[in-house]
C-alpha atoms as a PDB file:
ATOM      1  CA  UNK A   1      -2.759   4.290  -7.445  1.00  0.00           C
ATOM      2  CA  UNK A   2       0.694   5.374  -8.806  1.00  0.00           C
ATOM      3  CA  UNK A   3       2.608   7.711  -7.834  1.00  0.00           C
ATOM      4  CA  UNK A   4       3.191   9.707 -11.666  1.00  0.00           C
ATOM      5  CA  UNK A   5       6.165  12.460 -12.148  1.00  0.00           C
ATOM      6  CA  UNK A   6       4.954  14.758 -15.090  1.00  0.00           C
ATOM      7  CA  UNK A   7       6.926  16.811 -16.424  1.00  0.00           C
ATOM      8  CA  UNK A   8       4.078  19.681 -17.833  1.00  0.00           C
ATOM      9  CA  UNK A   9       7.114  22.094 -19.243  1.00  0.00           C
ATOM     10  CA  UNK A  10      10.582  21.687 -20.391  1.00  0.00           C
ATOM     11  CA  UNK A  11      12.902  24.922 -21.299  1.00  0.00           C
ATOM     12  CA  UNK A  12      16.176  25.103 -22.213  1.00  0.00           C
ATOM     13  CA  UNK A  13      17.039  21.460 -23.094  1.00  0.00           C
ATOM     14  CA  UNK A  14      18.370  20.848 -26.502  1.00  0.00           C
ATOM     15  CA  UNK A  15      17.842  16.454 -27.533  1.00  0.00           C
ATOM     16  CA  UNK A  16      20.307  15.222 -25.190  1.00  0.00           C
ATOM     17  CA  UNK A  17      19.760  16.646 -22.028  1.00  0.00           C
ATOM     18  CA  UNK A  18      16.181  16.432 -22.933  1.00  0.00           C
ATOM     19  CA  UNK A  19      16.889  12.769 -23.032  1.00  0.00           C
ATOM     20  CA  UNK A  20      18.785  12.626 -19.776  1.00  0.00           C
ATOM     21  CA  UNK A  21      16.278  14.743 -18.063  1.00  0.00           C
ATOM     22  CA  UNK A  22      13.074  12.044 -19.450  1.00  0.00           C
ATOM     23  CA  UNK A  23      15.916   8.923 -17.952  1.00  0.00           C
ATOM     24  CA  UNK A  24      15.860  11.092 -14.292  1.00  0.00           C
ATOM     25  CA  UNK A  25      12.370  12.034 -14.039  1.00  0.00           C
ATOM     26  CA  UNK A  26      12.467   7.142 -15.035  1.00  0.00           C
ATOM     27  CA  UNK A  27      13.669   6.785 -12.813  1.00  0.00           C
ATOM     28  CA  UNK A  28      12.141   9.333  -9.705  1.00  0.00           C
ATOM     29  CA  UNK A  29       9.025   8.014  -9.992  1.00  0.00           C
ATOM     30  CA  UNK A  30      10.113   4.420 -10.099  1.00  0.00           C
ATOM     31  CA  UNK A  31      11.553   5.061  -6.507  1.00  0.00           C
ATOM     32  CA  UNK A  32       8.145   6.767  -5.870  1.00  0.00           C
ATOM     33  CA  UNK A  33       6.456   3.462  -6.099  1.00  0.00           C
ATOM     34  CA  UNK A  34       8.552   1.357  -3.646  1.00  0.00           C
ATOM     35  CA  UNK A  35       8.188  -0.056   0.153  1.00  0.00           C
ATOM     36  CA  UNK A  36      11.557   1.817   0.234  1.00  0.00           C
ATOM     37  CA  UNK A  37      11.084   4.564  -0.245  1.00  0.00           C
ATOM     38  CA  UNK A  38       7.920   4.791   2.334  1.00  0.00           C
ATOM     39  CA  UNK A  39      10.033   2.920   4.728  1.00  0.00           C
ATOM     40  CA  UNK A  40      12.918   5.330   4.391  1.00  0.00           C
ATOM     41  CA  UNK A  41      10.787   8.490   5.232  1.00  0.00           C
ATOM     42  CA  UNK A  42       8.640   6.718   7.722  1.00  0.00           C
ATOM     43  CA  UNK A  43      11.530   5.808   9.809  1.00  0.00           C
ATOM     44  CA  UNK A  44      13.324   8.819   9.071  1.00  0.00           C
ATOM     45  CA  UNK A  45      15.172   9.901  11.735  1.00  0.00           C
ATOM     46  CA  UNK A  46      17.289  13.166  12.597  1.00  0.00           C
ATOM     47  CA  UNK A  47      20.359  13.232  15.303  1.00  0.00           C
ATOM     48  CA  UNK A  48      18.303  16.096  16.991  1.00  0.00           C
ATOM     49  CA  UNK A  49      14.509  16.365  16.777  1.00  0.00           C
ATOM     50  CA  UNK A  50      14.310  13.259  16.424  1.00  0.00           C
ATOM     51  CA  UNK A  51      11.953  13.919  12.471  1.00  0.00           C
ATOM     52  CA  UNK A  52      12.406  15.698   9.787  1.00  0.00           C
ATOM     53  CA  UNK A  53      12.387  19.631  10.463  1.00  0.00           C
ATOM     54  CA  UNK A  54      10.972  22.211   9.003  1.00  0.00           C
ATOM     55  CA  UNK A  55       8.162  19.486   8.686  1.00  0.00           C
ATOM     56  CA  UNK A  56       4.794  21.553   8.953  1.00  0.00           C
ATOM     57  CA  UNK A  57       4.345  20.355  11.648  1.00  0.00           C
ATOM     58  CA  UNK A  58       3.723  16.576  10.137  1.00  0.00           C
ATOM     59  CA  UNK A  59       4.922  13.695  11.435  1.00  0.00           C
ATOM     60  CA  UNK A  60       7.194  11.729   9.891  1.00  0.00           C
ATOM     61  CA  UNK A  61       4.081   9.697   7.835  1.00  0.00           C
ATOM     62  CA  UNK A  62       1.729  12.770   7.601  1.00  0.00           C
ATOM     63  CA  UNK A  63       4.828  14.269   5.736  1.00  0.00           C
ATOM     64  CA  UNK A  64       5.343  11.092   2.912  1.00  0.00           C
ATOM     65  CA  UNK A  65       1.083  11.271   2.457  1.00  0.00           C
ATOM     66  CA  UNK A  66       1.436  14.533   1.900  1.00  0.00           C
ATOM     67  CA  UNK A  67       3.957  14.180  -1.054  1.00  0.00           C
ATOM     68  CA  UNK A  68       2.607  10.871  -1.983  1.00  0.00           C
ATOM     69  CA  UNK A  69      -0.712  13.375  -2.646  1.00  0.00           C
ATOM     70  CA  UNK A  70       0.976  15.947  -4.842  1.00  0.00           C
ATOM     71  CA  UNK A  71      -0.407  19.072  -4.273  1.00  0.00           C
ATOM     72  CA  UNK A  72       1.904  21.448  -5.322  1.00  0.00           C
ATOM     73  CA  UNK A  73       0.435  25.321  -4.252  1.00  0.00           C
ATOM     74  CA  UNK A  74       0.505  25.868  -8.188  1.00  0.00           C
ATOM     75  CA  UNK A  75      -2.123  23.162  -8.998  1.00  0.00           C
ATOM     76  CA  UNK A  76      -4.246  22.549  -5.737  1.00  0.00           C
ATOM     77  CA  UNK A  77      -6.031  19.253  -5.694  1.00  0.00           C
ATOM     78  CA  UNK A  78      -4.108  15.773  -4.937  1.00  0.00           C
ATOM     79  CA  UNK A  79      -3.140  13.933  -7.930  1.00  0.00           C
ATOM     80  CA  UNK A  80      -0.666  11.363  -7.092  1.00  0.00           C
ATOM     81  CA  UNK A  81       2.344  13.343  -9.568  1.00  0.00           C
ATOM     82  CA  UNK A  82       4.680  15.942  -9.170  1.00  0.00           C
ATOM     83  CA  UNK A  83       3.133  18.694 -11.657  1.00  0.00           C
ATOM     84  CA  UNK A  84       7.361  19.374 -12.915  1.00  0.00           C
ATOM     85  CA  UNK A  85       7.615  22.888 -14.555  1.00  0.00           C
ATOM     86  CA  UNK A  86      11.599  22.214 -15.522  1.00  0.00           C
ATOM     87  CA  UNK A  87      14.068  25.627 -16.901  1.00  0.00           C
ATOM     88  CA  UNK A  88      17.599  24.673 -17.546  1.00  0.00           C
ATOM     89  CA  UNK A  89      19.154  27.920 -17.314  1.00  0.00           C
ATOM     90  CA  UNK A  90      22.741  28.643 -18.461  1.00  0.00           C
ATOM     91  CA  UNK A  91      25.291  29.390 -15.754  1.00  0.00           C
ATOM     92  CA  UNK A  92      28.950  28.746 -15.865  1.00  0.00           C
ATOM     93  CA  UNK A  93      30.437  27.251 -12.595  1.00  0.00           C
ATOM     94  CA  UNK A  94      32.046  30.431 -10.492  1.00  0.00           C
ATOM     95  CA  UNK A  95      35.755  28.764 -10.081  1.00  0.00           C
ATOM     96  CA  UNK A  96      36.563  30.664  -6.753  1.00  0.00           C
ATOM     97  CA  UNK A  97      33.671  30.103  -5.156  1.00  0.00           C
ATOM     98  CA  UNK A  98      32.579  26.807  -2.811  1.00  0.00           C
ATOM     99  CA  UNK A  99      29.305  25.391  -2.090  1.00  0.00           C
ATOM    100  CA  UNK A 100      27.484  26.971  -5.130  1.00  0.00           C
ATOM    101  CA  UNK A 101      23.901  27.103  -5.588  1.00  0.00           C
ATOM    102  CA  UNK A 102      23.034  24.223  -8.106  1.00  0.00           C
ATOM    103  CA  UNK A 103      19.506  25.378  -9.194  1.00  0.00           C
ATOM    104  CA  UNK A 104      16.774  26.968  -7.226  1.00  0.00           C
ATOM    105  CA  UNK A 105      13.069  27.207  -7.781  1.00  0.00           C
ATOM    106  CA  UNK A 106      10.504  30.512  -5.575  1.00  0.00           C
ATOM    107  CA  UNK A 107       6.977  29.912  -4.268  1.00  0.00           C
ATOM    108  CA  UNK A 108       4.710  30.696  -5.800  1.00  0.00           C
ATOM    109  CA  UNK A 109       6.393  30.695  -9.393  1.00  0.00           C
ATOM    110  CA  UNK A 110       6.429  27.293 -10.359  1.00  0.00           C
ATOM    111  CA  UNK A 111       9.006  26.816 -12.381  1.00  0.00           C
ATOM    112  CA  UNK A 112      12.582  24.533 -11.130  1.00  0.00           C
ATOM    113  CA  UNK A 113      15.664  26.008 -12.258  1.00  0.00           C
ATOM    114  CA  UNK A 114      18.629  23.461 -13.023  1.00  0.00           C
ATOM    115  CA  UNK A 115      21.713  25.516 -13.294  1.00  0.00           C
ATOM    116  CA  UNK A 116      23.446  23.797 -17.165  1.00  0.00           C
ATOM    117  CA  UNK A 117      27.160  23.970 -15.417  1.00  0.00           C
ATOM    118  CA  UNK A 118      25.818  21.111 -13.038  1.00  0.00           C
ATOM    119  CA  UNK A 119      23.867  19.509 -15.169  1.00  0.00           C
ATOM    120  CA  UNK A 120      25.849  18.951 -17.506  1.00  0.00           C
ATOM    121  CA  UNK A 121      27.650  16.832 -15.653  1.00  0.00           C
ATOM    122  CA  UNK A 122      25.307  15.297 -13.423  1.00  0.00           C
ATOM    123  CA  UNK A 123      23.962  11.610 -13.234  1.00  0.00           C
ATOM    124  CA  UNK A 124      20.445  10.194 -13.256  1.00  0.00           C
ATOM    125  CA  UNK A 125      20.719  10.119  -8.929  1.00  0.00           C
ATOM    126  CA  UNK A 126      21.789  13.152  -8.682  1.00  0.00           C
ATOM    127  CA  UNK A 127      18.974  15.313 -11.087  1.00  0.00           C
ATOM    128  CA  UNK A 128      16.464  12.556  -9.802  1.00  0.00           C
ATOM    129  CA  UNK A 129      17.644  13.478  -6.364  1.00  0.00           C
ATOM    130  CA  UNK A 130      17.912  17.406  -7.260  1.00  0.00           C
ATOM    131  CA  UNK A 131      14.212  17.160  -9.310  1.00  0.00           C
ATOM    132  CA  UNK A 132      12.692  15.819  -5.596  1.00  0.00           C
ATOM    133  CA  UNK A 133      14.511  18.625  -3.520  1.00  0.00           C
ATOM    134  CA  UNK A 134      13.376  21.578  -5.774  1.00  0.00           C
ATOM    135  CA  UNK A 135       9.518  19.460  -6.002  1.00  0.00           C
ATOM    136  CA  UNK A 136       8.933  18.917  -1.990  1.00  0.00           C
ATOM    137  CA  UNK A 137       9.774  23.032  -2.027  1.00  0.00           C
ATOM    138  CA  UNK A 138       7.021  23.101  -4.345  1.00  0.00           C
ATOM    139  CA  UNK A 139       4.930  21.497  -2.134  1.00  0.00           C
ATOM    140  CA  UNK A 140       5.311  23.897   1.009  1.00  0.00           C
ATOM    141  CA  UNK A 141       8.184  22.258   2.449  1.00  0.00           C
ATOM    142  CA  UNK A 142      11.492  24.936   3.235  1.00  0.00           C
ATOM    143  CA  UNK A 143      15.019  24.943   3.509  1.00  0.00           C
ATOM    144  CA  UNK A 144      17.717  27.060   5.420  1.00  0.00           C
ATOM    145  CA  UNK A 145      19.730  29.175   2.856  1.00  0.00           C
ATOM    146  CA  UNK A 146      22.288  29.112   5.514  1.00  0.00           C
ATOM    147  CA  UNK A 147      23.963  25.989   7.012  1.00  0.00           C
ATOM    148  CA  UNK A 148      22.769  24.600  10.303  1.00  0.00           C
ATOM    149  CA  UNK A 149      23.055  21.681  12.787  1.00  0.00           C
ATOM    150  CA  UNK A 150      19.202  20.343  10.972  1.00  0.00           C
ATOM    151  CA  UNK A 151      19.763  21.593   7.753  1.00  0.00           C
ATOM    152  CA  UNK A 152      20.525  17.797   6.264  1.00  0.00           C
ATOM    153  CA  UNK A 153      17.006  17.126   9.139  1.00  0.00           C
ATOM    154  CA  UNK A 154      13.988  19.123   6.870  1.00  0.00           C
ATOM    155  CA  UNK A 155      11.999  17.750   4.191  1.00  0.00           C
ATOM    156  CA  UNK A 156      13.467  18.902   0.772  1.00  0.00           C
ATOM    157  CA  UNK A 157      17.560  18.108   1.884  1.00  0.00           C
ATOM    158  CA  UNK A 158      16.408  14.632   3.066  1.00  0.00           C
ATOM    159  CA  UNK A 159      13.941  13.482   0.768  1.00  0.00           C
ATOM    160  CA  UNK A 160      16.324  14.073  -2.169  1.00  0.00           C
ATOM    161  CA  UNK A 161      19.094  12.184  -0.505  1.00  0.00           C
ATOM    162  CA  UNK A 162      17.365   9.021  -0.021  1.00  0.00           C
ATOM    163  CA  UNK A 163      15.623  10.237  -4.334  1.00  0.00           C
ATOM    164  CA  UNK A 164      19.512  10.051  -4.883  1.00  0.00           C
ATOM    165  CA  UNK A 165      20.058   6.863  -2.648  1.00  0.00           C
ATOM    166  CA  UNK A 166      17.075   4.834  -3.764  1.00  0.00           C
ATOM    167  CA  UNK A 167      17.974   5.636  -7.402  1.00  0.00           C
ATOM    168  CA  UNK A 168      21.650   4.370  -7.281  1.00  0.00           C
ATOM    169  CA  UNK A 169      20.897   1.496  -5.775  1.00  0.00           C
END
């Protein structure tokens, strides 16, 4: 089967922002249907621990199949679709703060919030990677909010980075 990325709702986006979002979503969907993504996910290696961290006890292959199944916590059942509820949240960048969040999502809420200050300057590959990251959280994968030696090896961070790199080419 093909994997699909479906935006079930998008709030706060004007016409040009919606076009930008749609373009990034199409690229995310295209990457989800590549052998390159599967290869990168199955062969992912963390310098500490050999596989994804915060992986719900799953092997890399099981992580990939869980993502591919598209079974969000708020929409039970496997439909091979990322079912997205996206919100563009108006927020200014704090010029005095380093490493600011670019958006957020919280379970059990289904919405993925993207901050406008970041969205407006983000490129397609960055946006696709961020959406992939937040969507992985909707499947129950977690990421540490505090930096740790394995932060970049959590499923959301690593998956988002792989999607970003593959979209960029």
